[in-house]
Amino acid sequence: MKAVDILEWVMGWPWPILLVFGALMAWGAARVITWDVRYRFEEQSSGLTPGQKGTCECE
């Protein structure tokens, strides 16, 4: 599907619907990006390498 096809498809839609659709797409992309960064940060902060056993400390 070309960009022109998408443009022709949404030309008849009212602008508030397009605005909401665009906002939802931006929100979804931002969540995916922040989830990926947060997951990598938590993975690196544990200090363990794959296959290495950890130790638990109980109070």
PDB file of N, CA and C in Angstrom:
ATOM      1  N   MET A   1       0.845  -1.169   0.000  1.00  0.00           N
ATOM      2  CA  MET A   1       0.000   0.000   0.000  1.00  0.00           C
ATOM      3  C   MET A   1       0.898   1.242   0.000  1.00  0.00           C
ATOM      4  N   LYS A   2       0.641   2.112  -0.925  1.00  0.00           N
ATOM      5  CA  LYS A   2       1.433   3.333  -1.051  1.00  0.00           C
ATOM      6  C   LYS A   2       0.868   4.432  -0.150  1.00  0.00           C
ATOM      7  N   ALA A   3       1.675   5.448   0.101  1.00  0.00           N
ATOM      8  CA  ALA A   3       1.228   6.580   0.916  1.00  0.00           C
ATOM      9  C   ALA A   3       0.046   7.293   0.258  1.00  0.00           C
ATOM     10  N   VAL A   4       0.025   7.337  -1.069  1.00  0.00           N
ATOM     11  CA  VAL A   4      -1.076   7.983  -1.784  1.00  0.00           C
ATOM     12  C   VAL A   4      -2.374   7.226  -1.551  1.00  0.00           C
ATOM     13  N   ASP A   5      -2.311   5.894  -1.505  1.00  0.00           N
ATOM     14  CA  ASP A   5      -3.501   5.086  -1.247  1.00  0.00           C
ATOM     15  C   ASP A   5      -4.060   5.363   0.142  1.00  0.00           C
ATOM     16  N   ILE A   6      -3.184   5.481   1.114  1.00  0.00           N
ATOM     17  CA  ILE A   6      -3.619   5.776   2.481  1.00  0.00           C
ATOM     18  C   ILE A   6      -4.245   7.170   2.538  1.00  0.00           C
ATOM     19  N   LEU A   7      -3.628   8.123   1.892  1.00  0.00           N
ATOM     20  CA  LEU A   7      -4.163   9.478   1.872  1.00  0.00           C
ATOM     21  C   LEU A   7      -5.546   9.511   1.232  1.00  0.00           C
ATOM     22  N   GLU A   8      -5.729   8.827   0.117  1.00  0.00           N
ATOM     23  CA  GLU A   8      -7.030   8.782  -0.534  1.00  0.00           C
ATOM     24  C   GLU A   8      -8.066   8.088   0.349  1.00  0.00           C
ATOM     25  N   TRP A   9      -7.643   7.103   1.120  1.00  0.00           N
ATOM     26  CA  TRP A   9      -8.556   6.359   1.978  1.00  0.00           C
ATOM     27  C   TRP A   9      -9.082   7.229   3.119  1.00  0.00           C
ATOM     28  N   VAL A  10      -8.227   8.094   3.691  1.00  0.00           N
ATOM     29  CA  VAL A  10      -8.637   8.899   4.845  1.00  0.00           C
ATOM     30  C   VAL A  10      -9.132  10.293   4.461  1.00  0.00           C
ATOM     31  N   MET A  11      -9.150  10.626   3.191  1.00  0.00           N
ATOM     32  CA  MET A  11      -9.556  11.980   2.780  1.00  0.00           C
ATOM     33  C   MET A  11     -10.984  12.306   3.214  1.00  0.00           C
ATOM     34  N   GLY A  12     -11.862  11.334   3.264  1.00  0.00           N
ATOM     35  CA  GLY A  12     -13.245  11.597   3.621  1.00  0.00           C
ATOM     36  C   GLY A  12     -13.508  11.625   5.110  1.00  0.00           C
ATOM     37  N   TRP A  13     -12.520  11.326   5.924  1.00  0.00           N
ATOM     38  CA  TRP A  13     -12.729  11.290   7.365  1.00  0.00           C
ATOM     39  C   TRP A  13     -12.711  12.703   7.942  1.00  0.00           C
ATOM     40  N   PRO A  14     -13.508  12.969   8.973  1.00  0.00           N
ATOM     41  CA  PRO A  14     -13.455  14.282   9.635  1.00  0.00           C
ATOM     42  C   PRO A  14     -12.118  14.456  10.375  1.00  0.00           C
ATOM     43  N   TRP A  15     -11.672  15.710  10.478  1.00  0.00           N
ATOM     44  CA  TRP A  15     -10.350  15.963  11.056  1.00  0.00           C
ATOM     45  C   TRP A  15     -10.229  15.552  12.520  1.00  0.00           C
ATOM     46  N   PRO A  16     -11.297  15.618  13.354  1.00  0.00           N
ATOM     47  CA  PRO A  16     -11.096  15.162  14.747  1.00  0.00           C
ATOM     48  C   PRO A  16     -10.754  13.667  14.839  1.00  0.00           C
ATOM     49  N   ILE A  17     -11.335  12.876  13.951  1.00  0.00           N
ATOM     50  CA  ILE A  17     -11.026  11.446  13.976  1.00  0.00           C
ATOM     51  C   ILE A  17      -9.580  11.215  13.565  1.00  0.00           C
ATOM     52  N   LEU A  18      -9.122  11.946  12.560  1.00  0.00           N
ATOM     53  CA  LEU A  18      -7.728  11.829  12.138  1.00  0.00           C
ATOM     54  C   LEU A  18      -6.788  12.275  13.247  1.00  0.00           C
ATOM     55  N   LEU A  19      -7.155  13.331  13.958  1.00  0.00           N
ATOM     56  CA  LEU A  19      -6.336  13.827  15.057  1.00  0.00           C
ATOM     57  C   LEU A  19      -6.235  12.781  16.170  1.00  0.00           C
ATOM     58  N   VAL A  20      -7.359  12.187  16.538  1.00  0.00           N
ATOM     59  CA  VAL A  20      -7.360  11.158  17.586  1.00  0.00           C
ATOM     60  C   VAL A  20      -6.571   9.929  17.128  1.00  0.00           C
ATOM     61  N   PHE A  21      -6.751   9.527  15.882  1.00  0.00           N
ATOM     62  CA  PHE A  21      -6.024   8.382  15.345  1.00  0.00           C
ATOM     63  C   PHE A  21      -4.516   8.634  15.370  1.00  0.00           C
ATOM     64  N   GLY A  22      -4.098   9.825  14.983  1.00  0.00           N
ATOM     65  CA  GLY A  22      -2.679  10.174  15.009  1.00  0.00           C
ATOM     66  C   GLY A  22      -2.130  10.203  16.426  1.00  0.00           C
ATOM     67  N   ALA A  23      -2.925  10.741  17.362  1.00  0.00           N
ATOM     68  CA  ALA A  23      -2.489  10.791  18.763  1.00  0.00           C
ATOM     69  C   ALA A  23      -2.344   9.381  19.330  1.00  0.00           C
ATOM     70  N   LEU A  24      -3.268   8.491  18.998  1.00  0.00           N
ATOM     71  CA  LEU A  24      -3.167   7.110  19.480  1.00  0.00           C
ATOM     72  C   LEU A  24      -1.943   6.402  18.903  1.00  0.00           C
ATOM     73  N   MET A  25      -1.651   6.660  17.652  1.00  0.00           N
ATOM     74  CA  MET A  25      -0.465   6.054  17.051  1.00  0.00           C
ATOM     75  C   MET A  25       0.811   6.576  17.713  1.00  0.00           C
ATOM     76  N   ALA A  26       0.865   7.876  17.981  1.00  0.00           N
ATOM     77  CA  ALA A  26       2.042   8.455  18.634  1.00  0.00           C
ATOM     78  C   ALA A  26       2.191   7.918  20.060  1.00  0.00           C
ATOM     79  N   TRP A  27       1.082   7.798  20.771  1.00  0.00           N
ATOM     80  CA  TRP A  27       1.109   7.275  22.142  1.00  0.00           C
ATOM     81  C   TRP A  27       1.596   5.829  22.141  1.00  0.00           C
ATOM     82  N   GLY A  28       1.109   5.020  21.204  1.00  0.00           N
ATOM     83  CA  GLY A  28       1.536   3.629  21.121  1.00  0.00           C
ATOM     84  C   GLY A  28       3.018   3.506  20.800  1.00  0.00           C
ATOM     85  N   ALA A  29       3.498   4.327  19.873  1.00  0.00           N
ATOM     86  CA  ALA A  29       4.918   4.295  19.522  1.00  0.00           C
ATOM     87  C   ALA A  29       5.770   4.721  20.720  1.00  0.00           C
ATOM     88  N   ALA A  30       5.331   5.726  21.444  1.00  0.00           N
ATOM     89  CA  ALA A  30       6.079   6.188  22.620  1.00  0.00           C
ATOM     90  C   ALA A  30       6.123   5.105  23.695  1.00  0.00           C
ATOM     91  N   ARG A  31       5.027   4.382  23.884  1.00  0.00           N
ATOM     92  CA  ARG A  31       5.014   3.298  24.879  1.00  0.00           C
ATOM     93  C   ARG A  31       5.963   2.177  24.493  1.00  0.00           C
ATOM     94  N   VAL A  32       5.996   1.836  23.220  1.00  0.00           N
ATOM     95  CA  VAL A  32       6.897   0.775  22.765  1.00  0.00           C
ATOM     96  C   VAL A  32       8.345   1.195  22.963  1.00  0.00           C
ATOM     97  N   ILE A  33       8.666   2.437  22.625  1.00  0.00           N
ATOM     98  CA  ILE A  33      10.039   2.926  22.763  1.00  0.00           C
ATOM     99  C   ILE A  33      10.443   2.963  24.229  1.00  0.00           C
ATOM    100  N   THR A  34       9.580   3.491  25.098  1.00  0.00           N
ATOM    101  CA  THR A  34       9.937   3.587  26.520  1.00  0.00           C
ATOM    102  C   THR A  34       9.967   2.214  27.165  1.00  0.00           C
ATOM    103  N   TRP A  35       9.122   1.279  26.734  1.00  0.00           N
ATOM    104  CA  TRP A  35       9.153  -0.062  27.291  1.00  0.00           C
ATOM    105  C   TRP A  35      10.478  -0.733  26.948  1.00  0.00           C
ATOM    106  N   ASP A  36      10.923  -0.573  25.707  1.00  0.00           N
ATOM    107  CA  ASP A  36      12.174  -1.178  25.270  1.00  0.00           C
ATOM    108  C   ASP A  36      13.349  -0.618  26.066  1.00  0.00           C
ATOM    109  N   VAL A  37      13.381   0.680  26.265  1.00  0.00           N
ATOM    110  CA  VAL A  37      14.466   1.310  27.023  1.00  0.00           C
ATOM    111  C   VAL A  37      14.405   0.875  28.479  1.00  0.00           C
ATOM    112  N   ARG A  38      13.222   0.847  29.066  1.00  0.00           N
ATOM    113  CA  ARG A  38      13.076   0.458  30.473  1.00  0.00           C
ATOM    114  C   ARG A  38      13.490  -1.008  30.655  1.00  0.00           C
ATOM    115  N   TYR A  39      13.106  -1.874  29.725  1.00  0.00           N
ATOM    116  CA  TYR A  39      13.454  -3.290  29.826  1.00  0.00           C
ATOM    117  C   TYR A  39      14.962  -3.482  29.748  1.00  0.00           C
ATOM    118  N   ARG A  40      15.614  -2.794  28.832  1.00  0.00           N
ATOM    119  CA  ARG A  40      17.067  -2.916  28.714  1.00  0.00           C
ATOM    120  C   ARG A  40      17.754  -2.387  29.963  1.00  0.00           C
ATOM    121  N   PHE A  41      17.250  -1.281  30.532  1.00  0.00           N
ATOM    122  CA  PHE A  41      17.859  -0.695  31.726  1.00  0.00           C
ATOM    123  C   PHE A  41      17.739  -1.658  32.905  1.00  0.00           C
ATOM    124  N   GLU A  42      16.558  -2.259  33.090  1.00  0.00           N
ATOM    125  CA  GLU A  42      16.373  -3.187  34.203  1.00  0.00           C
ATOM    126  C   GLU A  42      17.232  -4.434  34.012  1.00  0.00           C
ATOM    127  N   GLU A  43      17.368  -4.885  32.788  1.00  0.00           N
ATOM    128  CA  GLU A  43      18.166  -6.073  32.510  1.00  0.00           C
ATOM    129  C   GLU A  43      19.641  -5.825  32.833  1.00  0.00           C
ATOM    130  N   GLN A  44      20.162  -4.659  32.493  1.00  0.00           N
ATOM    131  CA  GLN A  44      21.559  -4.354  32.734  1.00  0.00           C
ATOM    132  C   GLN A  44      21.823  -4.038  34.200  1.00  0.00           C
ATOM    133  N   SER A  45      20.823  -3.514  34.897  1.00  0.00           N
ATOM    134  CA  SER A  45      21.054  -3.105  36.276  1.00  0.00           C
ATOM    135  C   SER A  45      21.126  -4.294  37.226  1.00  0.00           C
ATOM    136  N   SER A  46      20.671  -5.472  36.806  1.00  0.00           N
ATOM    137  CA  SER A  46      20.689  -6.615  37.712  1.00  0.00           C
ATOM    138  C   SER A  46      22.112  -7.098  37.974  1.00  0.00           C
ATOM    139  N   GLY A  47      23.021  -6.898  37.039  1.00  0.00           N
ATOM    140  CA  GLY A  47      24.404  -7.290  37.238  1.00  0.00           C
ATOM    141  C   GLY A  47      24.687  -8.748  36.972  1.00  0.00           C
ATOM    142  N   LEU A  48      23.676  -9.531  36.629  1.00  0.00           N
ATOM    143  CA  LEU A  48      23.868 -10.947  36.355  1.00  0.00           C
ATOM    144  C   LEU A  48      23.980 -11.178  34.853  1.00  0.00           C
ATOM    145  N   THR A  49      24.807 -12.128  34.509  1.00  0.00           N
ATOM    146  CA  THR A  49      24.898 -12.528  33.114  1.00  0.00           C
ATOM    147  C   THR A  49      24.015 -13.757  32.923  1.00  0.00           C
ATOM    148  N   PRO A  50      23.549 -14.021  31.716  1.00  0.00           N
ATOM    149  CA  PRO A  50      22.705 -15.195  31.496  1.00  0.00           C
ATOM    150  C   PRO A  50      23.405 -16.476  31.923  1.00  0.00           C
ATOM    151  N   GLY A  51      22.680 -17.327  32.639  1.00  0.00           N
ATOM    152  CA  GLY A  51      23.239 -18.589  33.105  1.00  0.00           C
ATOM    153  C   GLY A  51      23.900 -18.497  34.469  1.00  0.00           C
ATOM    154  N   GLN A  52      24.078 -17.295  35.000  1.00  0.00           N
ATOM    155  CA  GLN A  52      24.716 -17.115  36.300  1.00  0.00           C
ATOM    156  C   GLN A  52      23.645 -17.159  37.384  1.00  0.00           C
ATOM    157  N   LYS A  53      23.934 -17.858  38.493  1.00  0.00           N
ATOM    158  CA  LYS A  53      22.979 -17.956  39.590  1.00  0.00           C
ATOM    159  C   LYS A  53      23.116 -16.748  40.512  1.00  0.00           C
ATOM    160  N   GLY A  54      21.992 -16.273  40.997  1.00  0.00           N
ATOM    161  CA  GLY A  54      21.991 -15.154  41.921  1.00  0.00           C
ATOM    162  C   GLY A  54      21.859 -15.622  43.356  1.00  0.00           C
ATOM    163  N   THR A  55      22.020 -14.712  44.293  1.00  0.00           N
ATOM    164  CA  THR A  55      21.863 -15.039  45.698  1.00  0.00           C
ATOM    165  C   THR A  55      20.770 -14.153  46.278  1.00  0.00           C
ATOM    166  N   CYS A  56      20.001 -14.737  47.173  1.00  0.00           N
ATOM    167  CA  CYS A  56      18.928 -13.994  47.845  1.00  0.00           C
ATOM    168  C   CYS A  56      19.385 -13.632  49.251  1.00  0.00           C
ATOM    169  N   GLU A  57      19.024 -12.455  49.662  1.00  0.00           N
ATOM    170  CA  GLU A  57      19.331 -12.046  51.021  1.00  0.00           C
ATOM    171  C   GLU A  57      18.024 -11.796  51.746  1.00  0.00           C
ATOM    172  N   CYS A  58      17.787 -12.551  52.811  1.00  0.00           N
ATOM    173  CA  CYS A  58      16.561 -12.400  53.599  1.00  0.00           C
ATOM    174  C   CYS A  58      16.851 -11.571  54.829  1.00  0.00           C
ATOM    175  N   GLU A  59      15.860 -10.791  55.202  1.00  0.00           N
ATOM    176  CA  GLU A  59      16.041  -9.949  56.405  1.00  0.00           C
ATOM    177  C   GLU A  59      15.512 -10.653  57.619  1.00  0.00           C
TER     178      GLU A  59
END
